[in-house]
């Protein structure tokens, strides 16, 4: 398992939970720019071990879930919340440990793609490359089969035991569009969610505007630029350029209006103000993504 936190001085280590498996994707972006195969080999060997950990500890019936570790006496599901990175999101108001998470499973598809590409670059056997490609394909099919709510028209976190689907809709529901595994029919239904003013239009909030839990409390409504970007890029991937442009322009205008203090951790898109920490690194990174990487 990759630990959640290791401080620069090595004195603080949080190793009872992890974080979403996005490192292989990031590694391939780095490798394409630097071409350092020694770096790639060092990373690949560790990602292979990490994949084995995820299969053993975070998979049920072929799909993945965040940490199931809890404090029974406190009924404390914080490990799973923190591991997801969505902290206090309404997604997890019902115990997260029972859910196959839509974003996690999409991150795993990205992980398998990256592992296959690394294996090719490093001269691994055709059989090894084939295994990674098959895992990517099989997981993609399971997401489409089990994690789309056909009646309501959105990708949903899904109870791994009962197969009941969550009624909470978030930008994570657009992740199958971001990674390109959604059917055209499912993508169209997600585009309807994106342009619905009661759902996500125009600010791509972290939970739909009409959700009873919607507020300005951290992950319970404010727009976080990272997950908003994934959703908008997903819409672009399926040809919904005008809609993607409208959401992007709305968010960039909002960021510009609040520029005097900096770029904020997240944004209240109803009252048009920045919230929480006002010098936030990944928000800065995703402002650049919105501008440069359409």
Protein backbone atom coordinates (compact mmCIF):
# COMPACT_ATOMS: atom_id res chain seq x y z
CA UNK A 1 0.00 0.00 0.00
CA UNK A 2 1.17 3.52 -0.73
CA UNK A 3 0.80 5.54 2.50
CA UNK A 4 -1.44 8.59 2.58
CA UNK A 5 1.23 10.92 3.99
CA UNK A 6 4.99 10.95 4.51
CA UNK A 7 6.26 14.29 5.75
CA UNK A 8 9.41 15.82 4.29
CA UNK A 9 11.33 15.22 7.52
CA UNK A 10 10.06 11.64 7.75
CA UNK A 11 8.63 12.15 11.23
CA UNK A 12 4.98 11.91 10.20
CA UNK A 13 3.77 8.82 8.37
CA UNK A 14 0.08 8.06 7.83
CA UNK A 15 0.04 4.48 6.62
CA UNK A 16 -3.34 3.19 7.76
CA UNK A 17 -5.02 4.55 4.62
CA UNK A 18 -3.98 5.33 1.07
CA UNK A 19 -5.20 7.59 -1.75
CA UNK A 20 -6.74 6.99 -5.21
CA UNK A 21 -4.35 5.15 -7.59
CA UNK A 22 -3.48 8.00 -9.94
CA UNK A 23 0.32 7.75 -9.70
CA UNK A 24 0.83 5.45 -12.74
CA UNK A 25 -1.08 7.91 -14.95
CA UNK A 26 1.06 10.78 -13.63
CA UNK A 27 4.20 8.71 -14.10
CA UNK A 28 3.48 8.16 -17.79
CA UNK A 29 2.94 11.90 -18.31
CA UNK A 30 6.32 12.50 -16.66
CA UNK A 31 8.04 9.74 -18.64
CA UNK A 32 6.77 11.07 -21.99
CA UNK A 33 8.50 14.33 -21.16
CA UNK A 34 11.76 13.03 -19.70
CA UNK A 35 12.26 9.62 -21.36
CA UNK A 36 14.03 8.27 -18.27
CA UNK A 37 13.63 4.49 -18.39
CA UNK A 38 15.41 3.93 -15.10
CA UNK A 39 12.77 6.12 -13.47
CA UNK A 40 10.04 4.22 -15.31
CA UNK A 41 11.40 0.82 -14.24
CA UNK A 42 11.66 1.89 -10.61
CA UNK A 43 8.05 3.07 -10.63
CA UNK A 44 6.69 0.12 -12.62
CA UNK A 45 8.04 -2.50 -10.22
CA UNK A 46 6.30 -0.76 -7.32
CA UNK A 47 3.03 -0.27 -9.19
CA UNK A 48 2.89 -3.99 -9.92
CA UNK A 49 3.11 -4.68 -6.18
CA UNK A 50 0.56 -1.99 -5.45
CA UNK A 51 -1.90 -3.49 -7.94
CA UNK A 52 -1.61 -6.81 -6.09
CA UNK A 53 -2.41 -5.00 -2.83
CA UNK A 54 -5.49 -3.35 -4.37
CA UNK A 55 -6.73 -6.66 -5.75
CA UNK A 56 -6.38 -8.27 -2.32
CA UNK A 57 -7.62 -5.44 -0.08
CA UNK A 58 -9.84 -3.16 -2.21
CA UNK A 59 -11.65 -5.42 -4.69
CA UNK A 60 -14.92 -7.33 -4.48
CA UNK A 61 -16.42 -9.25 -7.41
CA UNK A 62 -14.08 -7.49 -9.83
CA UNK A 63 -14.83 -3.88 -8.82
CA UNK A 64 -13.01 -1.66 -6.34
CA UNK A 65 -13.93 0.13 -3.12
CA UNK A 66 -12.18 2.51 -0.75
CA UNK A 67 -10.85 1.39 2.65
CA UNK A 68 -13.23 -0.65 4.80
CA UNK A 69 -11.32 0.06 8.00
CA UNK A 70 -13.52 1.54 10.75
CA UNK A 71 -13.61 2.07 14.50
CA UNK A 72 -16.61 -0.10 15.39
CA UNK A 73 -17.26 1.63 18.73
CA UNK A 74 -17.34 5.08 17.13
CA UNK A 75 -18.98 3.88 13.89
CA UNK A 76 -16.11 5.84 12.37
CA UNK A 77 -15.76 5.64 8.59
CA UNK A 78 -13.16 8.40 8.34
CA UNK A 79 -10.47 6.18 6.82
CA UNK A 80 -12.61 5.53 3.77
CA UNK A 81 -13.64 9.18 3.46
CA UNK A 82 -10.03 10.36 3.60
CA UNK A 83 -8.80 7.65 1.28
CA UNK A 84 -11.30 8.77 -1.35
CA UNK A 85 -10.16 12.39 -1.02
CA UNK A 86 -13.81 13.48 -0.92
CA UNK A 87 -13.75 13.89 2.88
CA UNK A 88 -17.25 14.97 4.02
CA UNK A 89 -19.03 14.48 0.69
CA UNK A 90 -22.72 13.46 0.81
CA UNK A 91 -21.58 10.50 -1.31
CA UNK A 92 -20.50 8.94 1.96
CA UNK A 93 -23.42 9.84 4.24
CA UNK A 94 -24.41 6.22 3.83
CA UNK A 95 -21.40 4.10 4.91
CA UNK A 96 -18.81 4.31 2.17
CA UNK A 97 -17.40 0.88 2.95
CA UNK A 98 -20.28 -0.79 1.14
CA UNK A 99 -19.76 1.11 -2.11
CA UNK A 100 -17.98 0.38 -5.30
CA UNK A 101 -16.89 3.97 -6.02
CA UNK A 102 -17.29 5.17 -9.60
CA UNK A 103 -14.20 7.39 -9.58
CA UNK A 104 -11.96 4.76 -7.97
CA UNK A 105 -12.87 2.19 -10.60
CA UNK A 106 -12.16 4.67 -13.38
CA UNK A 107 -8.79 5.48 -11.80
CA UNK A 108 -8.06 1.76 -11.84
CA UNK A 109 -8.83 1.62 -15.56
CA UNK A 110 -6.31 4.44 -16.01
CA UNK A 111 -3.83 2.51 -13.86
CA UNK A 112 -4.13 -0.57 -16.07
CA UNK A 113 -3.67 1.50 -19.22
CA UNK A 114 -0.55 3.07 -17.74
CA UNK A 115 0.83 -0.31 -16.63
CA UNK A 116 0.36 -1.72 -20.14
CA UNK A 117 2.12 1.28 -21.65
CA UNK A 118 4.97 1.03 -19.13
CA UNK A 119 5.33 -2.68 -19.87
CA UNK A 120 5.62 -1.94 -23.60
CA UNK A 121 8.23 0.78 -23.04
CA UNK A 122 10.25 -1.48 -20.74
CA UNK A 123 10.21 -4.47 -23.08
CA UNK A 124 8.09 -6.73 -20.89
CA UNK A 125 6.64 -9.87 -22.46
CA UNK A 126 3.64 -9.78 -24.78
CA UNK A 127 1.82 -11.93 -22.24
CA UNK A 128 2.38 -9.35 -19.49
CA UNK A 129 1.14 -6.52 -21.71
CA UNK A 130 -1.89 -8.63 -22.68
CA UNK A 131 -2.74 -9.22 -19.00
CA UNK A 132 -2.82 -5.48 -18.26
CA UNK A 133 -4.93 -4.81 -21.36
CA UNK A 134 -7.39 -7.55 -20.41
CA UNK A 135 -7.71 -6.19 -16.89
CA UNK A 136 -8.44 -2.75 -18.32
CA UNK A 137 -11.08 -4.19 -20.69
CA UNK A 138 -12.74 -6.38 -18.06
CA UNK A 139 -12.97 -3.57 -15.51
CA UNK A 140 -14.36 -1.15 -18.11
CA UNK A 141 -17.10 -3.64 -18.96
CA UNK A 142 -17.98 -4.17 -15.31
CA UNK A 143 -18.32 -0.41 -14.79
CA UNK A 144 -20.72 -0.15 -17.72
CA UNK A 145 -22.65 -3.22 -16.57
CA UNK A 146 -23.06 -2.46 -12.88
CA UNK A 147 -22.50 1.25 -12.26
CA UNK A 148 -24.93 3.09 -14.53
CA UNK A 149 -28.40 3.86 -13.19
CA UNK A 150 -30.48 3.25 -16.31
CA UNK A 151 -33.70 4.57 -14.77
CA UNK A 152 -32.25 7.88 -13.54
CA UNK A 153 -29.56 8.30 -16.19
CA UNK A 154 -26.25 8.66 -14.34
CA UNK A 155 -23.21 6.70 -13.21
CA UNK A 156 -23.55 5.88 -9.53
CA UNK A 157 -21.61 4.59 -6.56
CA UNK A 158 -23.06 1.12 -6.11
CA UNK A 159 -23.50 -1.08 -3.04
CA UNK A 160 -21.16 -4.00 -3.60
CA UNK A 161 -23.46 -6.43 -1.76
CA UNK A 162 -27.02 -5.37 -2.63
CA UNK A 163 -26.19 -3.61 -5.94
CA UNK A 164 -28.36 -0.71 -4.77
CA UNK A 165 -27.21 2.51 -6.40
CA UNK A 166 -26.59 5.77 -4.57
CA UNK A 167 -28.99 8.66 -5.17
CA UNK A 168 -26.16 11.17 -4.63
CA UNK A 169 -24.81 12.48 -7.94
CA UNK A 170 -21.42 14.17 -8.10
CA UNK A 171 -18.81 15.10 -10.74
CA UNK A 172 -17.32 11.65 -10.10
CA UNK A 173 -20.24 10.36 -12.17
CA UNK A 174 -18.58 11.89 -15.25
CA UNK A 175 -15.34 9.94 -14.84
CA UNK A 176 -16.32 7.21 -17.37
CA UNK A 177 -16.54 10.01 -19.95
CA UNK A 178 -13.15 11.37 -18.91
CA UNK A 179 -11.49 7.99 -19.49
CA UNK A 180 -13.56 7.26 -22.60
CA UNK A 181 -15.35 4.05 -21.60
CA UNK A 182 -18.93 5.38 -21.52
CA UNK A 183 -21.31 4.33 -24.27
CA UNK A 184 -22.65 7.13 -26.48
CA UNK A 185 -26.08 6.63 -24.94
CA UNK A 186 -24.76 6.92 -21.39
CA UNK A 187 -22.65 9.93 -22.30
CA UNK A 188 -25.70 11.69 -23.73
CA UNK A 189 -27.62 11.12 -20.50
CA UNK A 190 -24.70 12.52 -18.51
CA UNK A 191 -24.68 15.59 -20.78
CA UNK A 192 -28.32 16.18 -19.84
CA UNK A 193 -27.25 16.16 -16.19
CA UNK A 194 -24.48 18.64 -16.99
CA UNK A 195 -26.79 21.19 -18.61
CA UNK A 196 -29.59 20.88 -16.06
CA UNK A 197 -29.64 23.97 -13.79
CA UNK A 198 -30.99 21.86 -10.92
CA UNK A 199 -28.06 19.47 -11.24
CA UNK A 200 -24.67 20.74 -12.46
CA UNK A 201 -25.16 23.77 -14.70
CA UNK A 202 -23.25 26.03 -14.79
CA UNK A 203 -20.84 25.52 -11.88
CA UNK A 204 -20.28 21.72 -11.73
CA UNK A 205 -20.72 21.61 -7.91
CA UNK A 206 -19.50 18.65 -5.86
CA UNK A 207 -23.07 17.53 -5.33
CA UNK A 208 -26.09 18.52 -7.43
CA UNK A 209 -27.69 21.88 -6.67
CA UNK A 210 -30.98 20.17 -5.80
CA UNK A 211 -29.47 17.64 -3.39
CA UNK A 212 -30.91 18.18 0.12
CA UNK A 213 -27.36 18.10 1.51
CA UNK A 214 -26.10 20.89 -0.76
CA UNK A 215 -24.27 23.60 1.21
CA UNK A 216 -21.03 25.60 1.23
CA UNK A 217 -19.40 23.03 3.52
CA UNK A 218 -16.22 21.81 1.82
CA UNK A 219 -17.19 18.77 -0.37
CA UNK A 220 -20.93 19.23 0.16
CA UNK A 221 -21.55 21.71 -2.66
CA UNK A 222 -18.62 24.01 -3.46
CA UNK A 223 -16.89 23.43 -6.78
CA UNK A 224 -13.46 21.82 -6.62
CA UNK A 225 -11.59 22.52 -9.84
CA UNK A 226 -9.94 19.11 -10.14
CA UNK A 227 -13.13 17.06 -10.27
CA UNK A 228 -14.92 19.78 -12.26
CA UNK A 229 -12.16 19.59 -14.86
CA UNK A 230 -12.46 15.81 -15.19
CA UNK A 231 -16.21 16.24 -15.80
CA UNK A 232 -15.79 19.02 -18.35
CA UNK A 233 -13.01 17.18 -20.21
CA UNK A 234 -15.23 14.11 -20.28
CA UNK A 235 -17.99 16.10 -21.96
CA UNK A 236 -15.46 17.34 -24.54
CA UNK A 237 -14.32 13.79 -25.20
CA UNK A 238 -17.84 12.93 -26.35
CA UNK A 239 -18.38 15.99 -28.51
CA UNK A 240 -20.27 18.26 -26.12
CA UNK A 241 -17.92 21.16 -26.84
CA UNK A 242 -20.38 24.03 -26.41
CA UNK A 243 -21.56 22.77 -23.04
CA UNK A 244 -17.97 22.20 -21.90
CA UNK A 245 -17.04 25.74 -23.02
CA UNK A 246 -19.94 27.26 -21.12
CA UNK A 247 -19.02 25.54 -17.85
CA UNK A 248 -15.32 26.31 -18.29
CA UNK A 249 -15.95 29.98 -19.01
CA UNK A 250 -18.30 30.30 -16.04
CA UNK A 251 -15.66 28.86 -13.70
CA UNK A 252 -12.76 30.87 -15.13
CA UNK A 253 -14.81 34.08 -14.83
CA UNK A 254 -15.59 33.21 -11.21
CA UNK A 255 -11.93 32.56 -10.45
CA UNK A 256 -10.96 35.85 -12.06
CA UNK A 257 -13.55 37.77 -10.04
CA UNK A 258 -11.95 36.46 -6.83
CA UNK A 259 -8.33 36.88 -7.96
CA UNK A 260 -7.32 39.57 -5.43
CA UNK A 261 -6.67 36.99 -2.69
CA UNK A 262 -5.44 34.25 -4.98
CA UNK A 263 -6.81 30.97 -6.31
CA UNK A 264 -9.03 29.29 -3.74
CA UNK A 265 -9.38 25.73 -2.53
CA UNK A 266 -12.97 25.66 -3.80
CA UNK A 267 -15.74 28.01 -4.92
CA UNK A 268 -19.34 28.80 -4.00
CA UNK A 269 -20.87 29.03 -7.48
CA UNK A 270 -24.19 30.42 -6.23
CA UNK A 271 -22.74 33.41 -4.36
CA UNK A 272 -19.72 33.63 -6.68
CA UNK A 273 -17.02 33.62 -4.03
CA UNK A 274 -13.87 31.70 -3.21
CA UNK A 275 -13.89 29.51 -0.11
CA UNK A 276 -11.37 28.13 2.38
CA UNK A 277 -7.63 28.37 1.67
CA UNK A 278 -6.85 31.03 -0.94
CA UNK A 279 -3.44 29.85 -2.16
CA UNK A 280 -4.19 26.30 -3.20
CA UNK A 281 -1.81 24.40 -5.45
CA UNK A 282 -4.03 21.92 -7.23
CA UNK A 283 -6.62 24.62 -7.93
CA UNK A 284 -3.82 26.59 -9.62
CA UNK A 285 -2.83 23.53 -11.63
CA UNK A 286 -6.38 22.97 -12.83
CA UNK A 287 -6.86 26.59 -13.82
CA UNK A 288 -4.01 25.91 -16.25
CA UNK A 289 -5.71 22.71 -17.39
CA UNK A 290 -8.98 24.51 -18.07
CA UNK A 291 -7.14 27.10 -20.16
CA UNK A 292 -4.54 24.99 -21.98
CA UNK A 293 -5.79 21.41 -22.21
CA UNK A 294 -9.18 21.40 -23.86
